[in-house]
PDB file of all heavy atoms in Angstrom:
ATOM      1  N   GLY A   1       0.758  -1.222   0.028  1.00  0.00           N
ATOM      2  CA  GLY A   1      -0.008  -0.015   0.012  1.00  0.00           C
ATOM      3  C   GLY A   1       0.794   1.279  -0.015  1.00  0.00           C
ATOM      4  O   GLY A   1       0.282   2.330   0.345  1.00  0.00           O
ATOM      5  N   LEU A   2       2.058   1.241  -0.386  1.00  0.00           N
ATOM      6  CA  LEU A   2       2.866   2.479  -0.469  1.00  0.00           C
ATOM      7  C   LEU A   2       2.511   3.163  -1.800  1.00  0.00           C
ATOM      8  O   LEU A   2       2.308   2.559  -2.819  1.00  0.00           O
ATOM      9  CB  LEU A   2       4.360   2.140  -0.459  1.00  0.00           C
ATOM     10  CG  LEU A   2       4.958   1.717   0.864  1.00  0.00           C
ATOM     11  CD1 LEU A   2       6.435   1.423   0.685  1.00  0.00           C
ATOM     12  CD2 LEU A   2       4.741   2.756   1.972  1.00  0.00           C
ATOM     13  N   ASP A   3       2.489   4.507  -1.750  1.00  0.00           N
ATOM     14  CA  ASP A   3       2.310   5.261  -2.963  1.00  0.00           C
ATOM     15  C   ASP A   3       3.560   5.127  -3.825  1.00  0.00           C
ATOM     16  O   ASP A   3       4.672   5.093  -3.324  1.00  0.00           O
ATOM     17  CB  ASP A   3       2.134   6.761  -2.644  1.00  0.00           C
ATOM     18  CG  ASP A   3       0.750   7.047  -2.026  1.00  0.00           C
ATOM     19  OD1 ASP A   3      -0.210   6.288  -2.308  1.00  0.00           O
ATOM     20  OD2 ASP A   3       0.668   8.001  -1.244  1.00  0.00           O
ATOM     21  N   TYR A   4       3.356   4.991  -5.133  1.00  0.00           N
ATOM     22  CA  TYR A   4       4.487   4.894  -6.038  1.00  0.00           C
ATOM     23  C   TYR A   4       4.064   5.379  -7.409  1.00  0.00           C
ATOM     24  O   TYR A   4       2.860   5.483  -7.719  1.00  0.00           O
ATOM     25  CB  TYR A   4       4.983   3.447  -6.124  1.00  0.00           C
ATOM     26  CG  TYR A   4       4.034   2.486  -6.783  1.00  0.00           C
ATOM     27  CD1 TYR A   4       4.154   2.218  -8.169  1.00  0.00           C
ATOM     28  CD2 TYR A   4       2.999   1.849  -6.086  1.00  0.00           C
ATOM     29  CE1 TYR A   4       3.275   1.324  -8.775  1.00  0.00           C
ATOM     30  CE2 TYR A   4       2.140   0.988  -6.684  1.00  0.00           C
ATOM     31  CZ  TYR A   4       2.292   0.731  -8.038  1.00  0.00           C
ATOM     32  OH  TYR A   4       1.403  -0.136  -8.651  1.00  0.00           O
ATOM     33  N   LYS A   5       5.064   5.617  -8.221  1.00  0.00           N
ATOM     34  CA  LYS A   5       4.828   5.965  -9.620  1.00  0.00           C
ATOM     35  C   LYS A   5       5.716   5.004 -10.458  1.00  0.00           C
ATOM     36  O   LYS A   5       6.920   4.946 -10.253  1.00  0.00           O
ATOM     37  CB  LYS A   5       5.241   7.409  -9.901  1.00  0.00           C
ATOM     38  CG  LYS A   5       4.985   7.855 -11.335  1.00  0.00           C
ATOM     39  CD  LYS A   5       5.318   9.324 -11.545  1.00  0.00           C
ATOM     40  CE  LYS A   5       5.047   9.668 -13.004  1.00  0.00           C
ATOM     41  NZ  LYS A   5       5.434  11.050 -13.262  1.00  0.00           N
ATOM     42  N   ALA A   6       5.060   4.292 -11.329  1.00  0.00           N
ATOM     43  CA  ALA A   6       5.747   3.323 -12.221  1.00  0.00           C
ATOM     44  C   ALA A   6       6.230   4.063 -13.449  1.00  0.00           C
ATOM     45  O   ALA A   6       5.505   4.917 -14.019  1.00  0.00           O
ATOM     46  CB  ALA A   6       4.810   2.187 -12.599  1.00  0.00           C
ATOM     47  N   HIS A   7       7.437   3.750 -13.852  1.00  0.00           N
ATOM     48  CA  HIS A   7       8.000   4.346 -15.066  1.00  0.00           C
ATOM     49  C   HIS A   7       8.303   3.223 -16.045  1.00  0.00           C
ATOM     50  O   HIS A   7       9.007   2.265 -15.725  1.00  0.00           O
ATOM     51  CB  HIS A   7       9.342   5.050 -14.758  1.00  0.00           C
ATOM     52  CG  HIS A   7       9.146   6.225 -13.811  1.00  0.00           C
ATOM     53  ND1 HIS A   7       8.808   7.468 -14.278  1.00  0.00           N
ATOM     54  CD2 HIS A   7       9.222   6.283 -12.488  1.00  0.00           C
ATOM     55  CE1 HIS A   7       8.715   8.280 -13.204  1.00  0.00           C
ATOM     56  NE2 HIS A   7       8.965   7.591 -12.126  1.00  0.00           N
ATOM     57  N   PHE A   8       7.750   3.348 -17.230  1.00  0.00           N
ATOM     58  CA  PHE A   8       7.998   2.378 -18.268  1.00  0.00           C
ATOM     59  C   PHE A   8       9.409   2.537 -18.868  1.00  0.00           C
ATOM     60  O   PHE A   8       9.773   3.655 -19.251  1.00  0.00           O
ATOM     61  CB  PHE A   8       6.922   2.499 -19.371  1.00  0.00           C
ATOM     62  CG  PHE A   8       7.102   1.508 -20.488  1.00  0.00           C
ATOM     63  CD1 PHE A   8       6.713   0.181 -20.340  1.00  0.00           C
ATOM     64  CD2 PHE A   8       7.668   1.887 -21.717  1.00  0.00           C
ATOM     65  CE1 PHE A   8       6.885  -0.724 -21.364  1.00  0.00           C
ATOM     66  CE2 PHE A   8       7.830   0.984 -22.746  1.00  0.00           C
ATOM     67  CZ  PHE A   8       7.442  -0.327 -22.563  1.00  0.00           C
ATOM     68  N   ILE A   9      10.136   1.458 -18.938  1.00  0.00           N
ATOM     69  CA  ILE A   9      11.494   1.458 -19.498  1.00  0.00           C
ATOM     70  C   ILE A   9      11.385   0.605 -20.800  1.00  0.00           C
ATOM     71  O   ILE A   9      11.056  -0.566 -20.712  1.00  0.00           O
ATOM     72  CB  ILE A   9      12.526   0.844 -18.566  1.00  0.00           C
ATOM     73  CG1 ILE A   9      12.552   1.635 -17.220  1.00  0.00           C
ATOM     74  CG2 ILE A   9      13.908   0.835 -19.207  1.00  0.00           C
ATOM     75  CD1 ILE A   9      12.996   3.039 -17.327  1.00  0.00           C
ATOM     76  N   ASN A  10      11.662   1.179 -21.926  1.00  0.00           N
ATOM     77  CA  ASN A  10      11.586   0.482 -23.173  1.00  0.00           C
ATOM     78  C   ASN A  10      12.894  -0.269 -23.363  1.00  0.00           C
ATOM     79  O   ASN A  10      13.912   0.293 -23.792  1.00  0.00           O
ATOM     80  CB  ASN A  10      11.325   1.447 -24.350  1.00  0.00           C
ATOM     81  CG  ASN A  10      11.014   0.697 -25.629  1.00  0.00           C
ATOM     82  OD1 ASN A  10      11.544  -0.348 -25.879  1.00  0.00           O
ATOM     83  ND2 ASN A  10      10.128   1.297 -26.441  1.00  0.00           N
ATOM     84  N   LEU A  11      12.863  -1.582 -23.121  1.00  0.00           N
ATOM     85  CA  LEU A  11      14.050  -2.420 -23.215  1.00  0.00           C
ATOM     86  C   LEU A  11      14.500  -2.576 -24.654  1.00  0.00           C
ATOM     87  O   LEU A  11      15.710  -2.736 -24.931  1.00  0.00           O
ATOM     88  CB  LEU A  11      13.810  -3.789 -22.586  1.00  0.00           C
ATOM     89  CG  LEU A  11      13.401  -3.753 -21.107  1.00  0.00           C
ATOM     90  CD1 LEU A  11      13.082  -5.193 -20.622  1.00  0.00           C
ATOM     91  CD2 LEU A  11      14.464  -3.129 -20.221  1.00  0.00           C
ATOM     92  N   MET A  12      13.565  -2.541 -25.577  1.00  0.00           N
ATOM     93  CA  MET A  12      13.897  -2.715 -26.990  1.00  0.00           C
ATOM     94  C   MET A  12      14.700  -1.529 -27.513  1.00  0.00           C
ATOM     95  O   MET A  12      15.431  -1.626 -28.470  1.00  0.00           O
ATOM     96  CB  MET A  12      12.682  -2.970 -27.831  1.00  0.00           C
ATOM     97  CG  MET A  12      11.824  -4.177 -27.392  1.00  0.00           C
ATOM     98  SD  MET A  12      12.801  -5.659 -27.062  1.00  0.00           S
ATOM     99  CE  MET A  12      13.108  -6.193 -28.691  1.00  0.00           C
ATOM    100  N   GLU A  13      14.475  -0.363 -26.863  1.00  0.00           N
ATOM    101  CA  GLU A  13      15.218   0.837 -27.255  1.00  0.00           C
ATOM    102  C   GLU A  13      16.429   1.075 -26.357  1.00  0.00           C
ATOM    103  O   GLU A  13      17.073   2.122 -26.405  1.00  0.00           O
ATOM    104  CB  GLU A  13      14.316   2.048 -27.258  1.00  0.00           C
ATOM    105  CG  GLU A  13      13.245   1.979 -28.331  1.00  0.00           C
ATOM    106  CD  GLU A  13      12.325   3.207 -28.377  1.00  0.00           C
ATOM    107  OE1 GLU A  13      12.633   4.208 -27.663  1.00  0.00           O
ATOM    108  OE2 GLU A  13      11.341   3.188 -29.105  1.00  0.00           O
ATOM    109  N   ASN A  14      16.712   0.114 -25.463  1.00  0.00           N
ATOM    110  CA  ASN A  14      17.846   0.138 -24.554  1.00  0.00           C
ATOM    111  C   ASN A  14      17.817   1.339 -23.614  1.00  0.00           C
ATOM    112  O   ASN A  14      18.863   1.865 -23.235  1.00  0.00           O
ATOM    113  CB  ASN A  14      19.191   0.116 -25.307  1.00  0.00           C
ATOM    114  CG  ASN A  14      19.558  -1.304 -25.692  1.00  0.00           C
ATOM    115  OD1 ASN A  14      19.260  -2.251 -24.985  1.00  0.00           O
ATOM    116  ND2 ASN A  14      20.169  -1.452 -26.865  1.00  0.00           N
ATOM    117  N   GLN A  15      16.620   1.752 -23.190  1.00  0.00           N
ATOM    118  CA  GLN A  15      16.553   2.867 -22.219  1.00  0.00           C
ATOM    119  C   GLN A  15      17.242   2.526 -20.947  1.00  0.00           C
ATOM    120  O   GLN A  15      17.751   3.420 -20.255  1.00  0.00           O
ATOM    121  CB  GLN A  15      15.104   3.208 -21.978  1.00  0.00           C
ATOM    122  CG  GLN A  15      14.431   3.994 -23.079  1.00  0.00           C
ATOM    123  CD  GLN A  15      13.020   4.386 -22.770  1.00  0.00           C
ATOM    124  OE1 GLN A  15      12.324   3.691 -22.044  1.00  0.00           O
ATOM    125  NE2 GLN A  15      12.578   5.485 -23.344  1.00  0.00           N
ATOM    126  N   GLN A  16      17.302   1.245 -20.586  1.00  0.00           N
ATOM    127  CA  GLN A  16      17.960   0.811 -19.368  1.00  0.00           C
ATOM    128  C   GLN A  16      19.459   0.984 -19.430  1.00  0.00           C
ATOM    129  O   GLN A  16      20.167   0.874 -18.384  1.00  0.00           O
ATOM    130  CB  GLN A  16      17.588  -0.655 -19.022  1.00  0.00           C
ATOM    131  CG  GLN A  16      18.246  -1.654 -19.928  1.00  0.00           C
ATOM    132  CD  GLN A  16      17.621  -1.894 -21.278  1.00  0.00           C
ATOM    133  OE1 GLN A  16      16.783  -1.126 -21.693  1.00  0.00           O
ATOM    134  NE2 GLN A  16      18.011  -2.950 -21.966  1.00  0.00           N
ATOM    135  N   LYS A  17      19.993   1.321 -20.587  1.00  0.00           N
ATOM    136  CA  LYS A  17      21.446   1.523 -20.774  1.00  0.00           C
ATOM    137  C   LYS A  17      21.777   3.036 -20.885  1.00  0.00           C
ATOM    138  O   LYS A  17      22.958   3.384 -21.025  1.00  0.00           O
ATOM    139  CB  LYS A  17      21.963   0.781 -22.005  1.00  0.00           C
ATOM    140  CG  LYS A  17      21.674  -0.707 -22.007  1.00  0.00           C
ATOM    141  CD  LYS A  17      22.411  -1.452 -20.900  1.00  0.00           C
ATOM    142  CE  LYS A  17      22.113  -2.926 -20.995  1.00  0.00           C
ATOM    143  NZ  LYS A  17      22.594  -3.676 -19.832  1.00  0.00           N
ATOM    144  N   GLU A  18      20.755   3.856 -20.815  1.00  0.00           N
ATOM    145  CA  GLU A  18      21.008   5.294 -20.909  1.00  0.00           C
ATOM    146  C   GLU A  18      21.592   5.795 -19.582  1.00  0.00           C
ATOM    147  O   GLU A  18      21.344   5.249 -18.547  1.00  0.00           O
ATOM    148  CB  GLU A  18      19.715   6.031 -21.241  1.00  0.00           C
ATOM    149  CG  GLU A  18      19.191   5.714 -22.616  1.00  0.00           C
ATOM    150  CD  GLU A  18      17.864   6.378 -22.958  1.00  0.00           C
ATOM    151  OE1 GLU A  18      17.345   7.196 -22.138  1.00  0.00           O
ATOM    152  OE2 GLU A  18      17.309   6.038 -24.028  1.00  0.00           O
ATOM    153  N   ASP A  19      22.399   6.869 -19.680  1.00  0.00           N
ATOM    154  CA  ASP A  19      23.130   7.423 -18.536  1.00  0.00           C
ATOM    155  C   ASP A  19      22.223   7.692 -17.352  1.00  0.00           C
ATOM    156  O   ASP A  19      22.599   7.381 -16.192  1.00  0.00           O
ATOM    157  CB  ASP A  19      23.887   8.678 -18.904  1.00  0.00           C
ATOM    158  CG  ASP A  19      25.067   8.412 -19.798  1.00  0.00           C
ATOM    159  OD1 ASP A  19      25.536   7.257 -19.850  1.00  0.00           O
ATOM    160  OD2 ASP A  19      25.522   9.372 -20.460  1.00  0.00           O
ATOM    161  N   TRP A  20      21.008   8.263 -17.581  1.00  0.00           N
ATOM    162  CA  TRP A  20      20.143   8.607 -16.477  1.00  0.00           C
ATOM    163  C   TRP A  20      19.729   7.329 -15.681  1.00  0.00           C
ATOM    164  O   TRP A  20      19.629   7.410 -14.493  1.00  0.00           O
ATOM    165  CB  TRP A  20      18.913   9.385 -16.984  1.00  0.00           C
ATOM    166  CG  TRP A  20      17.956   8.531 -17.769  1.00  0.00           C
ATOM    167  CD1 TRP A  20      17.984   8.361 -19.131  1.00  0.00           C
ATOM    168  CD2 TRP A  20      16.853   7.765 -17.243  1.00  0.00           C
ATOM    169  NE1 TRP A  20      16.950   7.494 -19.465  1.00  0.00           N
ATOM    170  CE2 TRP A  20      16.269   7.094 -18.377  1.00  0.00           C
ATOM    171  CE3 TRP A  20      16.363   7.522 -15.968  1.00  0.00           C
ATOM    172  CZ2 TRP A  20      15.158   6.284 -18.251  1.00  0.00           C
ATOM    173  CZ3 TRP A  20      15.259   6.684 -15.860  1.00  0.00           C
ATOM    174  CH2 TRP A  20      14.705   6.070 -16.964  1.00  0.00           C
ATOM    175  N   PHE A  21      19.516   6.233 -16.420  1.00  0.00           N
ATOM    176  CA  PHE A  21      19.100   5.019 -15.721  1.00  0.00           C
ATOM    177  C   PHE A  21      20.279   4.349 -15.082  1.00  0.00           C
ATOM    178  O   PHE A  21      20.154   3.763 -13.986  1.00  0.00           O
ATOM    179  CB  PHE A  21      18.375   4.074 -16.662  1.00  0.00           C
ATOM    180  CG  PHE A  21      17.768   2.906 -15.949  1.00  0.00           C
ATOM    181  CD1 PHE A  21      16.522   3.018 -15.305  1.00  0.00           C
ATOM    182  CD2 PHE A  21      18.405   1.651 -15.865  1.00  0.00           C
ATOM    183  CE1 PHE A  21      15.960   1.977 -14.595  1.00  0.00           C
ATOM    184  CE2 PHE A  21      17.831   0.582 -15.168  1.00  0.00           C
ATOM    185  CZ  PHE A  21      16.623   0.750 -14.535  1.00  0.00           C
ATOM    186  N   LEU A  22      21.452   4.388 -15.682  1.00  0.00           N
ATOM    187  CA  LEU A  22      22.655   3.785 -15.126  1.00  0.00           C
ATOM    188  C   LEU A  22      23.030   4.460 -13.786  1.00  0.00           C
ATOM    189  O   LEU A  22      23.707   3.836 -12.953  1.00  0.00           O
ATOM    190  CB  LEU A  22      23.803   3.841 -16.116  1.00  0.00           C
ATOM    191  CG  LEU A  22      23.635   2.964 -17.337  1.00  0.00           C
ATOM    192  CD1 LEU A  22      24.789   3.216 -18.352  1.00  0.00           C
ATOM    193  CD2 LEU A  22      23.540   1.478 -16.975  1.00  0.00           C
ATOM    194  N   GLN A  23      22.578   5.687 -13.582  1.00  0.00           N
ATOM    195  CA  GLN A  23      22.780   6.321 -12.281  1.00  0.00           C
ATOM    196  C   GLN A  23      21.913   5.693 -11.182  1.00  0.00           C
ATOM    197  O   GLN A  23      22.248   5.771 -10.002  1.00  0.00           O
ATOM    198  CB  GLN A  23      22.526   7.806 -12.389  1.00  0.00           C
ATOM    199  CG  GLN A  23      23.545   8.545 -13.230  1.00  0.00           C
ATOM    200  CD  GLN A  23      23.204   9.997 -13.423  1.00  0.00           C
ATOM    201  OE1 GLN A  23      22.473  10.603 -12.666  1.00  0.00           O
ATOM    202  NE2 GLN A  23      23.786  10.615 -14.446  1.00  0.00           N
ATOM    203  N   ILE A  24      20.832   5.045 -11.613  1.00  0.00           N
ATOM    204  CA  ILE A  24      19.973   4.341 -10.667  1.00  0.00           C
ATOM    205  C   ILE A  24      20.449   2.903 -10.506  1.00  0.00           C
ATOM    206  O   ILE A  24      20.593   2.399  -9.403  1.00  0.00           O
ATOM    207  CB  ILE A  24      18.510   4.380 -11.133  1.00  0.00           C
ATOM    208  CG1 ILE A  24      18.012   5.815 -11.246  1.00  0.00           C
ATOM    209  CG2 ILE A  24      17.608   3.573 -10.194  1.00  0.00           C
ATOM    210  CD1 ILE A  24      16.710   5.980 -12.021  1.00  0.00           C
ATOM    211  N   ASN A  25      20.726   2.261 -11.639  1.00  0.00           N
ATOM    212  CA  ASN A  25      21.240   0.883 -11.620  1.00  0.00           C
ATOM    213  C   ASN A  25      22.409   0.784 -12.602  1.00  0.00           C
ATOM    214  O   ASN A  25      22.217   0.733 -13.813  1.00  0.00           O
ATOM    215  CB  ASN A  25      20.146  -0.091 -12.030  1.00  0.00           C
ATOM    216  CG  ASN A  25      20.656  -1.552 -12.008  1.00  0.00           C
ATOM    217  OD1 ASN A  25      21.826  -1.786 -11.784  1.00  0.00           O
ATOM    218  ND2 ASN A  25      19.759  -2.494 -12.247  1.00  0.00           N
ATOM    219  N   PRO A  26      23.640   0.781 -12.071  1.00  0.00           N
ATOM    220  CA  PRO A  26      24.801   0.734 -12.942  1.00  0.00           C
ATOM    221  C   PRO A  26      24.899  -0.555 -13.775  1.00  0.00           C
ATOM    222  O   PRO A  26      25.626  -0.604 -14.734  1.00  0.00           O
ATOM    223  CB  PRO A  26      25.965   0.805 -11.961  1.00  0.00           C
ATOM    224  CG  PRO A  26      25.443   0.593 -10.610  1.00  0.00           C
ATOM    225  CD  PRO A  26      23.975   0.872 -10.644  1.00  0.00           C
ATOM    226  N   ASN A  27      24.085  -1.555 -13.417  1.00  0.00           N
ATOM    227  CA  ASN A  27      24.056  -2.802 -14.183  1.00  0.00           C
ATOM    228  C   ASN A  27      23.121  -2.685 -15.382  1.00  0.00           C
ATOM    229  O   ASN A  27      23.063  -3.575 -16.222  1.00  0.00           O
ATOM    230  CB  ASN A  27      23.621  -3.989 -13.273  1.00  0.00           C
ATOM    231  CG  ASN A  27      23.867  -5.305 -13.906  1.00  0.00           C
ATOM    232  OD1 ASN A  27      24.769  -5.501 -14.736  1.00  0.00           O
ATOM    233  ND2 ASN A  27      23.038  -6.294 -13.530  1.00  0.00           N
ATOM    234  N   GLY A  28      22.335  -1.606 -15.440  1.00  0.00           N
ATOM    235  CA  GLY A  28      21.469  -1.384 -16.625  1.00  0.00           C
ATOM    236  C   GLY A  28      20.395  -2.407 -16.819  1.00  0.00           C
ATOM    237  O   GLY A  28      20.105  -2.852 -17.913  1.00  0.00           O
ATOM    238  N   ARG A  29      19.768  -2.788 -15.701  1.00  0.00           N
ATOM    239  CA  ARG A  29      18.680  -3.802 -15.714  1.00  0.00           C
ATOM    240  C   ARG A  29      17.533  -3.290 -14.903  1.00  0.00           C
ATOM    241  O   ARG A  29      17.673  -2.396 -14.071  1.00  0.00           O
ATOM    242  CB  ARG A  29      19.151  -5.125 -15.080  1.00  0.00           C
ATOM    243  CG  ARG A  29      20.434  -5.689 -15.633  1.00  0.00           C
ATOM    244  CD  ARG A  29      20.142  -6.588 -16.733  1.00  0.00           C
ATOM    245  NE  ARG A  29      21.427  -7.193 -17.206  1.00  0.00           N
ATOM    246  CZ  ARG A  29      21.539  -8.028 -18.162  1.00  0.00           C
ATOM    247  NH1 ARG A  29      20.476  -8.424 -18.789  1.00  0.00           N
ATOM    248  NH2 ARG A  29      22.702  -8.481 -18.532  1.00  0.00           N
ATOM    249  N   ILE A  30      16.342  -3.862 -15.147  1.00  0.00           N
ATOM    250  CA  ILE A  30      15.188  -3.571 -14.326  1.00  0.00           C
ATOM    251  C   ILE A  30      14.916  -4.789 -13.440  1.00  0.00           C
ATOM    252  O   ILE A  30      15.352  -5.889 -13.786  1.00  0.00           O
ATOM    253  CB  ILE A  30      13.938  -3.254 -15.208  1.00  0.00           C
ATOM    254  CG1 ILE A  30      13.589  -4.413 -16.113  1.00  0.00           C
ATOM    255  CG2 ILE A  30      14.198  -1.964 -16.017  1.00  0.00           C
ATOM    256  CD1 ILE A  30      12.252  -4.302 -16.791  1.00  0.00           C
ATOM    257  N   PRO A  31      14.277  -4.591 -12.300  1.00  0.00           N
ATOM    258  CA  PRO A  31      13.702  -3.340 -11.739  1.00  0.00           C
ATOM    259  C   PRO A  31      14.733  -2.537 -10.949  1.00  0.00           C
ATOM    260  O   PRO A  31      15.809  -3.050 -10.603  1.00  0.00           O
ATOM    261  CB  PRO A  31      12.619  -3.866 -10.820  1.00  0.00           C
ATOM    262  CG  PRO A  31      13.170  -5.146 -10.267  1.00  0.00           C
ATOM    263  CD  PRO A  31      13.981  -5.743 -11.428  1.00  0.00           C
ATOM    264  N   ALA A  32      14.327  -1.328 -10.707  1.00  0.00           N
ATOM    265  CA  ALA A  32      15.077  -0.453  -9.810  1.00  0.00           C
ATOM    266  C   ALA A  32      14.098   0.533  -9.200  1.00  0.00           C
ATOM    267  O   ALA A  32      13.037   0.777  -9.770  1.00  0.00           O
ATOM    268  CB  ALA A  32      16.163   0.324 -10.623  1.00  0.00           C
ATOM    269  N   ILE A  33      14.382   0.994  -8.003  1.00  0.00           N
ATOM    270  CA  ILE A  33      13.505   1.937  -7.353  1.00  0.00           C
ATOM    271  C   ILE A  33      14.296   3.128  -6.788  1.00  0.00           C
ATOM    272  O   ILE A  33      15.525   3.023  -6.554  1.00  0.00           O
ATOM    273  CB  ILE A  33      12.668   1.317  -6.166  1.00  0.00           C
ATOM    274  CG1 ILE A  33      13.575   0.832  -5.040  1.00  0.00           C
ATOM    275  CG2 ILE A  33      11.812   0.177  -6.699  1.00  0.00           C
ATOM    276  CD1 ILE A  33      12.859   0.423  -3.772  1.00  0.00           C
ATOM    277  N   ILE A  34      13.604   4.231  -6.572  1.00  0.00           N
ATOM    278  CA  ILE A  34      14.124   5.373  -5.843  1.00  0.00           C
ATOM    279  C   ILE A  34      13.124   5.630  -4.727  1.00  0.00           C
ATOM    280  O   ILE A  34      11.959   5.826  -4.996  1.00  0.00           O
ATOM    281  CB  ILE A  34      14.252   6.601  -6.752  1.00  0.00           C
ATOM    282  CG1 ILE A  34      15.196   6.343  -7.929  1.00  0.00           C
ATOM    283  CG2 ILE A  34      14.730   7.819  -5.933  1.00  0.00           C
ATOM    284  CD1 ILE A  34      15.258   7.471  -8.936  1.00  0.00           C
ATOM    285  N   ASP A  35      13.629   5.620  -3.516  1.00  0.00           N
ATOM    286  CA  ASP A  35      12.799   5.900  -2.358  1.00  0.00           C
ATOM    287  C   ASP A  35      12.960   7.380  -2.031  1.00  0.00           C
ATOM    288  O   ASP A  35      13.952   7.785  -1.427  1.00  0.00           O
ATOM    289  CB  ASP A  35      13.164   5.022  -1.146  1.00  0.00           C
ATOM    290  CG  ASP A  35      12.231   5.202   0.020  1.00  0.00           C
ATOM    291  OD1 ASP A  35      11.471   6.185   0.039  1.00  0.00           O
ATOM    292  OD2 ASP A  35      12.236   4.352   0.919  1.00  0.00           O
ATOM    293  N   HIS A  36      11.994   8.190  -2.412  1.00  0.00           N
ATOM    294  CA  HIS A  36      12.057   9.613  -2.192  1.00  0.00           C
ATOM    295  C   HIS A  36      11.868   9.975  -0.710  1.00  0.00           C
ATOM    296  O   HIS A  36      12.217  11.075  -0.309  1.00  0.00           O
ATOM    297  CB  HIS A  36      11.012  10.350  -3.062  1.00  0.00           C
ATOM    298  CG  HIS A  36      11.249  10.150  -4.520  1.00  0.00           C
ATOM    299  ND1 HIS A  36      12.350  10.649  -5.189  1.00  0.00           N
ATOM    300  CD2 HIS A  36      10.542   9.468  -5.454  1.00  0.00           C
ATOM    301  CE1 HIS A  36      12.306  10.322  -6.433  1.00  0.00           C
ATOM    302  NE2 HIS A  36      11.222   9.607  -6.633  1.00  0.00           N
ATOM    303  N   ASP A  37      11.327   9.043   0.071  1.00  0.00           N
ATOM    304  CA  ASP A  37      11.154   9.231   1.530  1.00  0.00           C
ATOM    305  C   ASP A  37      12.534   9.164   2.242  1.00  0.00           C
ATOM    306  O   ASP A  37      12.619   9.574   3.407  1.00  0.00           O
ATOM    307  CB  ASP A  37      10.224   8.235   2.146  1.00  0.00           C
ATOM    308  CG  ASP A  37       8.796   8.382   1.658  1.00  0.00           C
ATOM    309  OD1 ASP A  37       8.449   9.487   1.189  1.00  0.00           O
ATOM    310  OD2 ASP A  37       8.044   7.400   1.772  1.00  0.00           O
ATOM    311  N   LEU A  38      13.504   8.602   1.595  1.00  0.00           N
ATOM    312  CA  LEU A  38      14.811   8.392   2.211  1.00  0.00           C
ATOM    313  C   LEU A  38      15.896   9.037   1.363  1.00  0.00           C
ATOM    314  O   LEU A  38      16.796   8.354   0.823  1.00  0.00           O
ATOM    315  CB  LEU A  38      15.068   6.900   2.412  1.00  0.00           C
ATOM    316  CG  LEU A  38      16.300   6.493   3.222  1.00  0.00           C
ATOM    317  CD1 LEU A  38      16.184   7.021   4.661  1.00  0.00           C
ATOM    318  CD2 LEU A  38      16.449   4.974   3.229  1.00  0.00           C
ATOM    319  N   ASN A  39      15.801  10.329   1.160  1.00  0.00           N
ATOM    320  CA  ASN A  39      16.801  11.109   0.412  1.00  0.00           C
ATOM    321  C   ASN A  39      17.123  10.522  -0.968  1.00  0.00           C
ATOM    322  O   ASN A  39      18.277  10.405  -1.336  1.00  0.00           O
ATOM    323  CB  ASN A  39      18.120  11.223   1.237  1.00  0.00           C
ATOM    324  CG  ASN A  39      17.877  11.944   2.532  1.00  0.00           C
ATOM    325  OD1 ASN A  39      17.145  12.943   2.571  1.00  0.00           O
ATOM    326  ND2 ASN A  39      18.510  11.467   3.602  1.00  0.00           N
ATOM    327  N   ASP A  40      16.093  10.119  -1.661  1.00  0.00           N
ATOM    328  CA  ASP A  40      16.218   9.559  -3.034  1.00  0.00           C
ATOM    329  C   ASP A  40      17.149   8.342  -3.047  1.00  0.00           C
ATOM    330  O   ASP A  40      17.964   8.191  -3.939  1.00  0.00           O
ATOM    331  CB  ASP A  40      16.698  10.612  -4.012  1.00  0.00           C
ATOM    332  CG  ASP A  40      15.600  11.681  -4.251  1.00  0.00           C
ATOM    333  OD1 ASP A  40      14.434  11.405  -3.973  1.00  0.00           O
ATOM    334  OD2 ASP A  40      15.951  12.767  -4.741  1.00  0.00           O
TER     335      ASP A  40
END
């Protein structure tokens, strides 16, 4: 029951390998989360 926002990552376009996503997951895979309640 936690509030969340899902973000679609287009794997066919390799969005998971883009710099912005690699800052979340350096392995370039899904899933990944950012907990905004805990300093992102």
